[in-house]
């Protein structure tokens, strides 16, 4: 499990470095996640230690929403003031996320059917 955690932190660190010096507009963790995804796709397998760390993170994912909930309560007056704009942004972002996910799934299913 330690090896999987080290691997995740290594890719996040690489992402932070790339974000700092090459692509400052993209957050480091996002770049690190993309690097990890590319590495896993190139290897075509997930090691057991990395799988166990991912499962542990998934089990405790709800804890990560506590700071966001505190922020919502703290900034409630500002959120009420900009409620319409926030609603529009949320709807547009959900539609964009679903569309991009569908495109990636379609592309992935074509690739997997070619390889089979």
PDB file of N, CA and C in Angstrom:
ATOM      1  N   UNK A   1       0.815  -1.192   0.000  1.00  0.00           N
ATOM      2  CA  UNK A   1       0.000   0.000   0.000  1.00  0.00           C
ATOM      3  C   UNK A   1       0.862   1.260   0.000  1.00  0.00           C
ATOM      4  N   UNK A   2       1.993   1.202   0.673  1.00  0.00           N
ATOM      5  CA  UNK A   2       2.887   2.353   0.724  1.00  0.00           C
ATOM      6  C   UNK A   2       3.416   2.659  -0.676  1.00  0.00           C
ATOM      7  N   UNK A   3       3.732   1.626  -1.439  1.00  0.00           N
ATOM      8  CA  UNK A   3       4.229   1.831  -2.803  1.00  0.00           C
ATOM      9  C   UNK A   3       3.205   2.536  -3.679  1.00  0.00           C
ATOM     10  N   UNK A   4       1.934   2.182  -3.525  1.00  0.00           N
ATOM     11  CA  UNK A   4       0.884   2.838  -4.298  1.00  0.00           C
ATOM     12  C   UNK A   4       0.731   4.297  -3.924  1.00  0.00           C
ATOM     13  N   UNK A   5       0.799   4.587  -2.619  1.00  0.00           N
ATOM     14  CA  UNK A   5       0.698   5.967  -2.154  1.00  0.00           C
ATOM     15  C   UNK A   5       1.889   6.790  -2.643  1.00  0.00           C
ATOM     16  N   UNK A   6       3.071   6.207  -2.599  1.00  0.00           N
ATOM     17  CA  UNK A   6       4.266   6.900  -3.092  1.00  0.00           C
ATOM     18  C   UNK A   6       4.120   7.181  -4.584  1.00  0.00           C
ATOM     19  N   UNK A   7       3.602   6.222  -5.323  1.00  0.00           N
ATOM     20  CA  UNK A   7       3.416   6.409  -6.763  1.00  0.00           C
ATOM     21  C   UNK A   7       2.435   7.550  -7.056  1.00  0.00           C
ATOM     22  N   UNK A   8       1.331   7.588  -6.310  1.00  0.00           N
ATOM     23  CA  UNK A   8       0.352   8.659  -6.495  1.00  0.00           C
ATOM     24  C   UNK A   8       0.972  10.014  -6.164  1.00  0.00           C
ATOM     25  N   UNK A   9       1.689  10.080  -5.053  1.00  0.00           N
ATOM     26  CA  UNK A   9       2.324  11.338  -4.666  1.00  0.00           C
ATOM     27  C   UNK A   9       3.425  11.738  -5.643  1.00  0.00           C
ATOM     28  N   UNK A  10       4.122  10.779  -6.214  1.00  0.00           N
ATOM     29  CA  UNK A  10       5.140  11.070  -7.219  1.00  0.00           C
ATOM     30  C   UNK A  10       4.516  11.716  -8.449  1.00  0.00           C
ATOM     31  N   UNK A  11       3.414  11.153  -8.932  1.00  0.00           N
ATOM     32  CA  UNK A  11       2.765  11.734 -10.101  1.00  0.00           C
ATOM     33  C   UNK A  11       2.170  13.104  -9.771  1.00  0.00           C
ATOM     34  N   UNK A  12       1.665  13.292  -8.567  1.00  0.00           N
ATOM     35  CA  UNK A  12       1.161  14.603  -8.195  1.00  0.00           C
ATOM     36  C   UNK A  12       2.305  15.611  -8.133  1.00  0.00           C
ATOM     37  N   UNK A  13       3.440  15.196  -7.608  1.00  0.00           N
ATOM     38  CA  UNK A  13       4.609  16.074  -7.570  1.00  0.00           C
ATOM     39  C   UNK A  13       5.087  16.455  -8.956  1.00  0.00           C
ATOM     40  N   UNK A  14       5.130  15.464  -9.857  1.00  0.00           N
ATOM     41  CA  UNK A  14       5.499  15.768 -11.245  1.00  0.00           C
ATOM     42  C   UNK A  14       4.506  16.740 -11.866  1.00  0.00           C
ATOM     43  N   UNK A  15       3.237  16.537 -11.587  1.00  0.00           N
ATOM     44  CA  UNK A  15       2.215  17.443 -12.087  1.00  0.00           C
ATOM     45  C   UNK A  15       2.402  18.860 -11.562  1.00  0.00           C
ATOM     46  N   UNK A  16       2.748  18.972 -10.286  1.00  0.00           N
ATOM     47  CA  UNK A  16       2.997  20.291  -9.695  1.00  0.00           C
ATOM     48  C   UNK A  16       4.192  20.978 -10.363  1.00  0.00           C
ATOM     49  N   UNK A  17       5.251  20.219 -10.619  1.00  0.00           N
ATOM     50  CA  UNK A  17       6.415  20.795 -11.287  1.00  0.00           C
ATOM     51  C   UNK A  17       6.075  21.261 -12.701  1.00  0.00           C
ATOM     52  N   UNK A  18       5.349  20.434 -13.434  1.00  0.00           N
ATOM     53  CA  UNK A  18       4.962  20.809 -14.792  1.00  0.00           C
ATOM     54  C   UNK A  18       4.046  22.026 -14.749  1.00  0.00           C
ATOM     55  N   UNK A  19       3.145  22.062 -13.783  1.00  0.00           N
ATOM     56  CA  UNK A  19       2.240  23.198 -13.654  1.00  0.00           C
ATOM     57  C   UNK A  19       3.005  24.472 -13.319  1.00  0.00           C
ATOM     58  N   UNK A  20       4.001  24.358 -12.484  1.00  0.00           N
ATOM     59  CA  UNK A  20       4.770  25.522 -12.054  1.00  0.00           C
ATOM     60  C   UNK A  20       5.624  26.095 -13.179  1.00  0.00           C
ATOM     61  N   UNK A  21       6.248  25.219 -13.978  1.00  0.00           N
ATOM     62  CA  UNK A  21       7.230  25.696 -14.950  1.00  0.00           C
ATOM     63  C   UNK A  21       6.789  25.628 -16.406  1.00  0.00           C
ATOM     64  N   UNK A  22       5.806  24.808 -16.745  1.00  0.00           N
ATOM     65  CA  UNK A  22       5.451  24.618 -18.155  1.00  0.00           C
ATOM     66  C   UNK A  22       4.040  25.112 -18.460  1.00  0.00           C
ATOM     67  N   UNK A  23       3.044  24.628 -17.711  1.00  0.00           N
ATOM     68  CA  UNK A  23       1.640  24.948 -17.991  1.00  0.00           C
ATOM     69  C   UNK A  23       1.004  25.526 -16.729  1.00  0.00           C
ATOM     70  N   UNK A  24       1.224  26.810 -16.452  1.00  0.00           N
ATOM     71  CA  UNK A  24       0.730  27.359 -15.186  1.00  0.00           C
ATOM     72  C   UNK A  24      -0.793  27.490 -15.096  1.00  0.00           C
ATOM     73  N   UNK A  25      -1.499  27.370 -16.203  1.00  0.00           N
ATOM     74  CA  UNK A  25      -2.951  27.516 -16.164  1.00  0.00           C
ATOM     75  C   UNK A  25      -3.675  26.254 -15.705  1.00  0.00           C
ATOM     76  N   UNK A  26      -2.988  25.118 -15.739  1.00  0.00           N
ATOM     77  CA  UNK A  26      -3.605  23.847 -15.353  1.00  0.00           C
ATOM     78  C   UNK A  26      -3.078  23.465 -13.963  1.00  0.00           C
ATOM     79  N   UNK A  27      -3.965  23.107 -13.034  1.00  0.00           N
ATOM     80  CA  UNK A  27      -3.510  22.733 -11.692  1.00  0.00           C
ATOM     81  C   UNK A  27      -2.606  21.488 -11.713  1.00  0.00           C
ATOM     82  N   UNK A  28      -1.634  21.475 -10.840  1.00  0.00           N
ATOM     83  CA  UNK A  28      -0.693  20.368 -10.761  1.00  0.00           C
ATOM     84  C   UNK A  28      -1.332  19.012 -10.524  1.00  0.00           C
ATOM     85  N   UNK A  29      -2.293  18.902  -9.604  1.00  0.00           N
ATOM     86  CA  UNK A  29      -2.926  17.597  -9.395  1.00  0.00           C
ATOM     87  C   UNK A  29      -3.637  17.065 -10.641  1.00  0.00           C
ATOM     88  N   UNK A  30      -4.187  17.961 -11.446  1.00  0.00           N
ATOM     89  CA  UNK A  30      -4.845  17.519 -12.688  1.00  0.00           C
ATOM     90  C   UNK A  30      -3.808  16.964 -13.658  1.00  0.00           C
ATOM     91  N   UNK A  31      -2.693  17.657 -13.795  1.00  0.00           N
ATOM     92  CA  UNK A  31      -1.625  17.169 -14.666  1.00  0.00           C
ATOM     93  C   UNK A  31      -1.084  15.845 -14.145  1.00  0.00           C
ATOM     94  N   UNK A  32      -0.892  15.753 -12.824  1.00  0.00           N
ATOM     95  CA  UNK A  32      -0.416  14.504 -12.231  1.00  0.00           C
ATOM     96  C   UNK A  32      -1.377  13.355 -12.468  1.00  0.00           C
ATOM     97  N   UNK A  33      -2.676  13.628 -12.372  1.00  0.00           N
ATOM     98  CA  UNK A  33      -3.670  12.595 -12.624  1.00  0.00           C
ATOM     99  C   UNK A  33      -3.619  12.136 -14.076  1.00  0.00           C
ATOM    100  N   UNK A  34      -3.439  13.069 -14.994  1.00  0.00           N
ATOM    101  CA  UNK A  34      -3.325  12.702 -16.407  1.00  0.00           C
ATOM    102  C   UNK A  34      -2.051  11.895 -16.669  1.00  0.00           C
ATOM    103  N   UNK A  35      -0.957  12.261 -16.008  1.00  0.00           N
ATOM    104  CA  UNK A  35       0.277  11.485 -16.145  1.00  0.00           C
ATOM    105  C   UNK A  35       0.096  10.067 -15.599  1.00  0.00           C
ATOM    106  N   UNK A  36      -0.557   9.955 -14.454  1.00  0.00           N
ATOM    107  CA  UNK A  36      -0.824   8.639 -13.871  1.00  0.00           C
ATOM    108  C   UNK A  36      -1.720   7.820 -14.791  1.00  0.00           C
ATOM    109  N   UNK A  37      -2.735   8.449 -15.356  1.00  0.00           N
ATOM    110  CA  UNK A  37      -3.613   7.753 -16.298  1.00  0.00           C
ATOM    111  C   UNK A  37      -2.837   7.270 -17.509  1.00  0.00           C
ATOM    112  N   UNK A  38      -1.987   8.125 -18.058  1.00  0.00           N
ATOM    113  CA  UNK A  38      -1.156   7.713 -19.195  1.00  0.00           C
ATOM    114  C   UNK A  38      -0.235   6.566 -18.841  1.00  0.00           C
ATOM    115  N   UNK A  39       0.341   6.612 -17.653  1.00  0.00           N
ATOM    116  CA  UNK A  39       1.237   5.542 -17.216  1.00  0.00           C
ATOM    117  C   UNK A  39       0.477   4.229 -17.074  1.00  0.00           C
ATOM    118  N   UNK A  40      -0.729   4.311 -16.489  1.00  0.00           N
ATOM    119  CA  UNK A  40      -1.533   3.092 -16.334  1.00  0.00           C
ATOM    120  C   UNK A  40      -1.994   2.554 -17.687  1.00  0.00           C
ATOM    121  N   UNK A  41      -2.346   3.430 -18.605  1.00  0.00           N
ATOM    122  CA  UNK A  41      -2.743   2.981 -19.942  1.00  0.00           C
ATOM    123  C   UNK A  41      -1.572   2.333 -20.676  1.00  0.00           C
ATOM    124  N   UNK A  42      -0.389   2.879 -20.505  1.00  0.00           N
ATOM    125  CA  UNK A  42       0.789   2.302 -21.155  1.00  0.00           C
ATOM    126  C   UNK A  42       1.119   0.921 -20.576  1.00  0.00           C
ATOM    127  N   UNK A  43       0.918   0.751 -19.288  1.00  0.00           N
ATOM    128  CA  UNK A  43       1.212  -0.533 -18.642  1.00  0.00           C
ATOM    129  C   UNK A  43       0.091  -1.546 -18.824  1.00  0.00           C
ATOM    130  N   UNK A  44      -1.136  -1.053 -19.061  1.00  0.00           N
ATOM    131  CA  UNK A  44      -2.327  -1.888 -19.248  1.00  0.00           C
ATOM    132  C   UNK A  44      -2.662  -2.751 -18.033  1.00  0.00           C
ATOM    133  N   UNK A  45      -2.270  -2.295 -16.847  1.00  0.00           N
ATOM    134  CA  UNK A  45      -2.623  -2.995 -15.613  1.00  0.00           C
ATOM    135  C   UNK A  45      -2.450  -2.048 -14.432  1.00  0.00           C
ATOM    136  N   UNK A  46      -3.149  -2.364 -13.348  1.00  0.00           N
ATOM    137  CA  UNK A  46      -3.035  -1.603 -12.112  1.00  0.00           C
ATOM    138  C   UNK A  46      -2.456  -2.537 -11.056  1.00  0.00           C
ATOM    139  N   UNK A  47      -1.352  -2.126 -10.444  1.00  0.00           N
ATOM    140  CA  UNK A  47      -0.723  -2.942  -9.409  1.00  0.00           C
ATOM    141  C   UNK A  47      -1.641  -3.054  -8.191  1.00  0.00           C
ATOM    142  N   UNK A  48      -1.441  -4.110  -7.408  1.00  0.00           N
ATOM    143  CA  UNK A  48      -2.281  -4.353  -6.234  1.00  0.00           C
ATOM    144  C   UNK A  48      -2.163  -3.239  -5.201  1.00  0.00           C
ATOM    145  N   UNK A  49      -0.925  -2.721  -4.984  1.00  0.00           N
ATOM    146  CA  UNK A  49      -0.758  -1.665  -3.980  1.00  0.00           C
ATOM    147  C   UNK A  49      -1.451  -0.367  -4.408  1.00  0.00           C
ATOM    148  N   UNK A  50      -1.407  -0.052  -5.684  1.00  0.00           N
ATOM    149  CA  UNK A  50      -2.101   1.123  -6.182  1.00  0.00           C
ATOM    150  C   UNK A  50      -3.613   0.930  -6.113  1.00  0.00           C
ATOM    151  N   UNK A  51      -4.068  -0.274  -6.384  1.00  0.00           N
ATOM    152  CA  UNK A  51      -5.493  -0.595  -6.294  1.00  0.00           C
ATOM    153  C   UNK A  51      -5.986  -0.462  -4.857  1.00  0.00           C
ATOM    154  N   UNK A  52      -5.196  -0.895  -3.891  1.00  0.00           N
ATOM    155  CA  UNK A  52      -5.626  -0.807  -2.492  1.00  0.00           C
ATOM    156  C   UNK A  52      -5.686   0.641  -2.011  1.00  0.00           C
ATOM    157  N   UNK A  53      -4.748   1.468  -2.466  1.00  0.00           N
ATOM    158  CA  UNK A  53      -4.793   2.890  -2.098  1.00  0.00           C
ATOM    159  C   UNK A  53      -6.015   3.553  -2.722  1.00  0.00           C
ATOM    160  N   UNK A  54      -6.299   3.248  -3.985  1.00  0.00           N
ATOM    161  CA  UNK A  54      -7.469   3.821  -4.658  1.00  0.00           C
ATOM    162  C   UNK A  54      -8.759   3.386  -3.962  1.00  0.00           C
ATOM    163  N   UNK A  55      -8.831   2.140  -3.538  1.00  0.00           N
ATOM    164  CA  UNK A  55     -10.021   1.657  -2.832  1.00  0.00           C
ATOM    165  C   UNK A  55     -10.183   2.368  -1.489  1.00  0.00           C
ATOM    166  N   UNK A  56      -9.074   2.584  -0.777  1.00  0.00           N
ATOM    167  CA  UNK A  56      -9.141   3.290   0.509  1.00  0.00           C
ATOM    168  C   UNK A  56      -9.595   4.736   0.312  1.00  0.00           C
ATOM    169  N   UNK A  57      -9.064   5.403  -0.714  1.00  0.00           N
ATOM    170  CA  UNK A  57      -9.493   6.778  -1.006  1.00  0.00           C
ATOM    171  C   UNK A  57     -10.975   6.807  -1.352  1.00  0.00           C
ATOM    172  N   UNK A  58     -11.426   5.844  -2.116  1.00  0.00           N
ATOM    173  CA  UNK A  58     -12.830   5.811  -2.538  1.00  0.00           C
ATOM    174  C   UNK A  58     -13.764   5.590  -1.347  1.00  0.00           C
ATOM    175  N   UNK A  59     -13.347   4.760  -0.414  1.00  0.00           N
ATOM    176  CA  UNK A  59     -14.176   4.500   0.771  1.00  0.00           C
ATOM    177  C   UNK A  59     -14.363   5.754   1.619  1.00  0.00           C
ATOM    178  N   UNK A  60     -13.351   6.611   1.647  1.00  0.00           N
ATOM    179  CA  UNK A  60     -13.383   7.792   2.517  1.00  0.00           C
ATOM    180  C   UNK A  60     -13.535   9.089   1.723  1.00  0.00           C
ATOM    181  N   UNK A  61     -14.081   9.010   0.529  1.00  0.00           N
ATOM    182  CA  UNK A  61     -14.222  10.177  -0.328  1.00  0.00           C
ATOM    183  C   UNK A  61     -15.136  11.241   0.274  1.00  0.00           C
ATOM    184  N   UNK A  62     -16.135  10.820   1.028  1.00  0.00           N
ATOM    185  CA  UNK A  62     -17.065  11.767   1.634  1.00  0.00           C
ATOM    186  C   UNK A  62     -16.404  12.762   2.564  1.00  0.00           C
ATOM    187  N   UNK A  63     -15.307  12.376   3.205  1.00  0.00           N
ATOM    188  CA  UNK A  63     -14.602  13.273   4.122  1.00  0.00           C
ATOM    189  C   UNK A  63     -14.072  14.498   3.376  1.00  0.00           C
ATOM    190  N   UNK A  64     -13.758  14.346   2.104  1.00  0.00           N
ATOM    191  CA  UNK A  64     -13.215  15.457   1.332  1.00  0.00           C
ATOM    192  C   UNK A  64     -14.244  16.557   1.088  1.00  0.00           C
ATOM    193  N   UNK A  65     -15.522  16.258   1.278  1.00  0.00           N
ATOM    194  CA  UNK A  65     -16.562  17.260   1.058  1.00  0.00           C
ATOM    195  C   UNK A  65     -16.823  18.120   2.287  1.00  0.00           C
ATOM    196  N   UNK A  66     -16.257  17.788   3.430  1.00  0.00           N
ATOM    197  CA  UNK A  66     -16.474  18.565   4.645  1.00  0.00           C
ATOM    198  C   UNK A  66     -15.955  19.995   4.487  1.00  0.00           C
ATOM    199  N   UNK A  67     -14.726  20.237   4.010  1.00  0.00           N
ATOM    200  CA  UNK A  67     -14.278  21.629   3.834  1.00  0.00           C
ATOM    201  C   UNK A  67     -15.159  22.413   2.862  1.00  0.00           C
ATOM    202  N   UNK A  68     -15.646  21.770   1.819  1.00  0.00           N
ATOM    203  CA  UNK A  68     -16.520  22.462   0.867  1.00  0.00           C
ATOM    204  C   UNK A  68     -17.827  22.858   1.539  1.00  0.00           C
ATOM    205  N   UNK A  69     -18.370  21.996   2.365  1.00  0.00           N
ATOM    206  CA  UNK A  69     -19.619  22.312   3.067  1.00  0.00           C
ATOM    207  C   UNK A  69     -19.417  23.475   4.032  1.00  0.00           C
ATOM    208  N   UNK A  70     -18.288  23.514   4.699  1.00  0.00           N
ATOM    209  CA  UNK A  70     -17.984  24.629   5.603  1.00  0.00           C
ATOM    210  C   UNK A  70     -17.869  25.919   4.806  1.00  0.00           C
ATOM    211  N   UNK A  71     -17.252  25.851   3.641  1.00  0.00           N
ATOM    212  CA  UNK A  71     -17.134  27.034   2.785  1.00  0.00           C
ATOM    213  C   UNK A  71     -18.483  27.538   2.319  1.00  0.00           C
ATOM    214  N   UNK A  72     -19.396  26.633   2.011  1.00  0.00           N
ATOM    215  CA  UNK A  72     -20.738  27.036   1.587  1.00  0.00           C
ATOM    216  C   UNK A  72     -21.436  27.775   2.719  1.00  0.00           C
ATOM    217  N   UNK A  73     -21.341  27.265   3.925  1.00  0.00           N
ATOM    218  CA  UNK A  73     -21.990  27.926   5.062  1.00  0.00           C
ATOM    219  C   UNK A  73     -21.333  29.276   5.333  1.00  0.00           C
ATOM    220  N   UNK A  74     -20.030  29.351   5.211  1.00  0.00           N
ATOM    221  CA  UNK A  74     -19.306  30.596   5.484  1.00  0.00           C
ATOM    222  C   UNK A  74     -19.674  31.685   4.486  1.00  0.00           C
ATOM    223  N   UNK A  75     -19.798  31.326   3.215  1.00  0.00           N
ATOM    224  CA  UNK A  75     -20.049  32.320   2.168  1.00  0.00           C
ATOM    225  C   UNK A  75     -21.499  32.323   1.692  1.00  0.00           C
ATOM    226  N   UNK A  76     -22.418  31.925   2.543  1.00  0.00           N
ATOM    227  CA  UNK A  76     -23.829  31.860   2.165  1.00  0.00           C
ATOM    228  C   UNK A  76     -24.390  33.197   1.666  1.00  0.00           C
ATOM    229  N   UNK A  77     -24.071  34.343   2.283  1.00  0.00           N
ATOM    230  CA  UNK A  77     -24.598  35.611   1.758  1.00  0.00           C
ATOM    231  C   UNK A  77     -24.136  35.902   0.316  1.00  0.00           C
ATOM    232  N   UNK A  78     -22.866  35.640   0.013  1.00  0.00           N
ATOM    233  CA  UNK A  78     -22.368  35.852  -1.342  1.00  0.00           C
ATOM    234  C   UNK A  78     -22.995  34.867  -2.315  1.00  0.00           C
ATOM    235  N   UNK A  79     -23.222  33.650  -1.871  1.00  0.00           N
ATOM    236  CA  UNK A  79     -23.848  32.652  -2.734  1.00  0.00           C
ATOM    237  C   UNK A  79     -25.289  33.049  -3.061  1.00  0.00           C
ATOM    238  N   UNK A  80     -26.002  33.578  -2.087  1.00  0.00           N
ATOM    239  CA  UNK A  80     -27.377  34.037  -2.339  1.00  0.00           C
ATOM    240  C   UNK A  80     -27.383  35.201  -3.326  1.00  0.00           C
ATOM    241  N   UNK A  81     -26.413  36.092  -3.194  1.00  0.00           N
ATOM    242  CA  UNK A  81     -26.339  37.267  -4.068  1.00  0.00           C
ATOM    243  C   UNK A  81     -26.110  36.877  -5.525  1.00  0.00           C
ATOM    244  N   UNK A  82     -25.334  35.835  -5.753  1.00  0.00           N
ATOM    245  CA  UNK A  82     -24.981  35.408  -7.111  1.00  0.00           C
ATOM    246  C   UNK A  82     -25.632  34.077  -7.475  1.00  0.00           C
ATOM    247  N   UNK A  83     -26.794  33.801  -6.925  1.00  0.00           N
ATOM    248  CA  UNK A  83     -27.443  32.497  -7.095  1.00  0.00           C
ATOM    249  C   UNK A  83     -27.755  32.179  -8.551  1.00  0.00           C
ATOM    250  N   UNK A  84     -28.239  33.142  -9.315  1.00  0.00           N
ATOM    251  CA  UNK A  84     -28.601  32.879 -10.714  1.00  0.00           C
ATOM    252  C   UNK A  84     -27.360  32.530 -11.532  1.00  0.00           C
ATOM    253  N   UNK A  85     -26.312  33.318 -11.381  1.00  0.00           N
ATOM    254  CA  UNK A  85     -25.080  33.049 -12.120  1.00  0.00           C
ATOM    255  C   UNK A  85     -24.502  31.688 -11.737  1.00  0.00           C
ATOM    256  N   UNK A  86     -24.527  31.360 -10.468  1.00  0.00           N
ATOM    257  CA  UNK A  86     -24.021  30.060 -10.022  1.00  0.00           C
ATOM    258  C   UNK A  86     -24.849  28.919 -10.581  1.00  0.00           C
ATOM    259  N   UNK A  87     -26.167  29.087 -10.624  1.00  0.00           N
ATOM    260  CA  UNK A  87     -27.029  28.032 -11.174  1.00  0.00           C
ATOM    261  C   UNK A  87     -26.730  27.807 -12.657  1.00  0.00           C
ATOM    262  N   UNK A  88     -26.546  28.890 -13.396  1.00  0.00           N
ATOM    263  CA  UNK A  88     -26.228  28.766 -14.823  1.00  0.00           C
ATOM    264  C   UNK A  88     -24.893  28.052 -15.014  1.00  0.00           C
ATOM    265  N   UNK A  89     -23.907  28.453 -14.244  1.00  0.00           N
ATOM    266  CA  UNK A  89     -22.583  27.829 -14.355  1.00  0.00           C
ATOM    267  C   UNK A  89     -22.647  26.351 -13.995  1.00  0.00           C
ATOM    268  N   UNK A  90     -23.386  26.011 -12.958  1.00  0.00           N
ATOM    269  CA  UNK A  90     -23.503  24.606 -12.563  1.00  0.00           C
ATOM    270  C   UNK A  90     -24.182  23.772 -13.647  1.00  0.00           C
ATOM    271  N   UNK A  91     -25.254  24.291 -14.231  1.00  0.00           N
ATOM    272  CA  UNK A  91     -25.956  23.545 -15.278  1.00  0.00           C
ATOM    273  C   UNK A  91     -25.059  23.364 -16.498  1.00  0.00           C
ATOM    274  N   UNK A  92     -24.391  24.433 -16.911  1.00  0.00           N
ATOM    275  CA  UNK A  92     -23.506  24.343 -18.078  1.00  0.00           C
ATOM    276  C   UNK A  92     -22.352  23.373 -17.812  1.00  0.00           C
ATOM    277  N   UNK A  93     -21.773  23.426 -16.616  1.00  0.00           N
ATOM    278  CA  UNK A  93     -20.654  22.531 -16.323  1.00  0.00           C
ATOM    279  C   UNK A  93     -21.087  21.073 -16.258  1.00  0.00           C
ATOM    280  N   UNK A  94     -22.285  20.808 -15.749  1.00  0.00           N
ATOM    281  CA  UNK A  94     -22.781  19.429 -15.716  1.00  0.00           C
ATOM    282  C   UNK A  94     -23.009  18.921 -17.139  1.00  0.00           C
ATOM    283  N   UNK A  95     -23.610  19.746 -17.983  1.00  0.00           N
ATOM    284  CA  UNK A  95     -23.842  19.342 -19.377  1.00  0.00           C
ATOM    285  C   UNK A  95     -22.512  19.099 -20.084  1.00  0.00           C
ATOM    286  N   UNK A  96     -21.538  19.981 -19.870  1.00  0.00           N
ATOM    287  CA  UNK A  96     -20.226  19.801 -20.498  1.00  0.00           C
ATOM    288  C   UNK A  96     -19.541  18.538 -19.988  1.00  0.00           C
ATOM    289  N   UNK A  97     -19.646  18.264 -18.704  1.00  0.00           N
ATOM    290  CA  UNK A  97     -19.028  17.064 -18.139  1.00  0.00           C
ATOM    291  C   UNK A  97     -19.648  15.801 -18.717  1.00  0.00           C
ATOM    292  N   UNK A  98     -20.965  15.765 -18.815  1.00  0.00           N
ATOM    293  CA  UNK A  98     -21.642  14.594 -19.378  1.00  0.00           C
ATOM    294  C   UNK A  98     -21.259  14.420 -20.848  1.00  0.00           C
ATOM    295  N   UNK A  99     -21.190  15.523 -21.589  1.00  0.00           N
ATOM    296  CA  UNK A  99     -20.837  15.439 -23.006  1.00  0.00           C
ATOM    297  C   UNK A  99     -19.411  14.930 -23.196  1.00  0.00           C
ATOM    298  N   UNK A 100     -18.476  15.460 -22.449  1.00  0.00           N
ATOM    299  CA  UNK A 100     -17.082  15.024 -22.571  1.00  0.00           C
ATOM    300  C   UNK A 100     -16.941  13.568 -22.138  1.00  0.00           C
ATOM    301  N   UNK A 101     -17.621  13.176 -21.067  1.00  0.00           N
ATOM    302  CA  UNK A 101     -17.578  11.785 -20.625  1.00  0.00           C
ATOM    303  C   UNK A 101     -18.128  10.854 -21.699  1.00  0.00           C
ATOM    304  N   UNK A 102     -19.217  11.249 -22.338  1.00  0.00           N
ATOM    305  CA  UNK A 102     -19.795  10.432 -23.406  1.00  0.00           C
ATOM    306  C   UNK A 102     -18.835  10.306 -24.583  1.00  0.00           C
ATOM    307  N   UNK A 103     -18.173  11.385 -24.937  1.00  0.00           N
ATOM    308  CA  UNK A 103     -17.203  11.336 -26.042  1.00  0.00           C
ATOM    309  C   UNK A 103     -16.023  10.424 -25.700  1.00  0.00           C
ATOM    310  N   UNK A 104     -15.537  10.532 -24.478  1.00  0.00           N
ATOM    311  CA  UNK A 104     -14.415   9.678 -24.065  1.00  0.00           C
ATOM    312  C   UNK A 104     -14.844   8.218 -24.047  1.00  0.00           C
ATOM    313  N   UNK A 105     -16.048   7.945 -23.563  1.00  0.00           N
ATOM    314  CA  UNK A 105     -16.554   6.575 -23.559  1.00  0.00           C
ATOM    315  C   UNK A 105     -16.698   6.036 -24.971  1.00  0.00           C
ATOM    316  N   UNK A 106     -17.217   6.864 -25.854  1.00  0.00           N
ATOM    317  CA  UNK A 106     -17.374   6.438 -27.251  1.00  0.00           C
ATOM    318  C   UNK A 106     -16.010   6.145 -27.879  1.00  0.00           C
ATOM    319  N   UNK A 107     -15.049   7.034 -27.641  1.00  0.00           N
ATOM    320  CA  UNK A 107     -13.704   6.821 -28.175  1.00  0.00           C
ATOM    321  C   UNK A 107     -13.080   5.565 -27.571  1.00  0.00           C
ATOM    322  N   UNK A 108     -13.257   5.374 -26.270  1.00  0.00           N
ATOM    323  CA  UNK A 108     -12.698   4.203 -25.605  1.00  0.00           C
ATOM    324  C   UNK A 108     -13.331   2.917 -26.071  1.00  0.00           C
ATOM    325  N   UNK A 109     -14.625   2.931 -26.323  1.00  0.00           N
ATOM    326  CA  UNK A 109     -15.279   1.708 -26.771  1.00  0.00           C
ATOM    327  C   UNK A 109     -14.854   1.353 -28.202  1.00  0.00           C
ATOM    328  N   UNK A 110     -14.590   2.365 -29.024  1.00  0.00           N
ATOM    329  CA  UNK A 110     -14.082   2.086 -30.375  1.00  0.00           C
ATOM    330  C   UNK A 110     -12.694   1.457 -30.305  1.00  0.00           C
ATOM    331  N   UNK A 111     -11.865   1.998 -29.431  1.00  0.00           N
ATOM    332  CA  UNK A 111     -10.507   1.468 -29.290  1.00  0.00           C
ATOM    333  C   UNK A 111     -10.524   0.047 -28.766  1.00  0.00           C
ATOM    334  N   UNK A 112     -11.391  -0.233 -27.801  1.00  0.00           N
ATOM    335  CA  UNK A 112     -11.412  -1.576 -27.223  1.00  0.00           C
ATOM    336  C   UNK A 112     -12.014  -2.578 -28.207  1.00  0.00           C
ATOM    337  N   UNK A 113     -12.954  -2.143 -29.037  1.00  0.00           N
ATOM    338  CA  UNK A 113     -13.524  -3.077 -30.016  1.00  0.00           C
ATOM    339  C   UNK A 113     -12.540  -3.366 -31.157  1.00  0.00           C
ATOM    340  N   UNK A 114     -11.660  -2.424 -31.449  1.00  0.00           N
ATOM    341  CA  UNK A 114     -10.617  -2.658 -32.452  1.00  0.00           C
ATOM    342  C   UNK A 114      -9.584  -3.665 -31.966  1.00  0.00           C
ATOM    343  N   UNK A 115      -9.266  -3.526 -30.669  1.00  0.00           N
ATOM    344  CA  UNK A 115      -8.250  -4.411 -30.093  1.00  0.00           C
ATOM    345  C   UNK A 115      -8.742  -5.815 -29.844  1.00  0.00           C
ATOM    346  N   UNK A 116     -10.053  -6.013 -29.780  1.00  0.00           N
ATOM    347  CA  UNK A 116     -10.604  -7.334 -29.466  1.00  0.00           C
ATOM    348  C   UNK A 116     -10.684  -8.231 -30.660  1.00  0.00           C
TER     349      UNK A 116
END
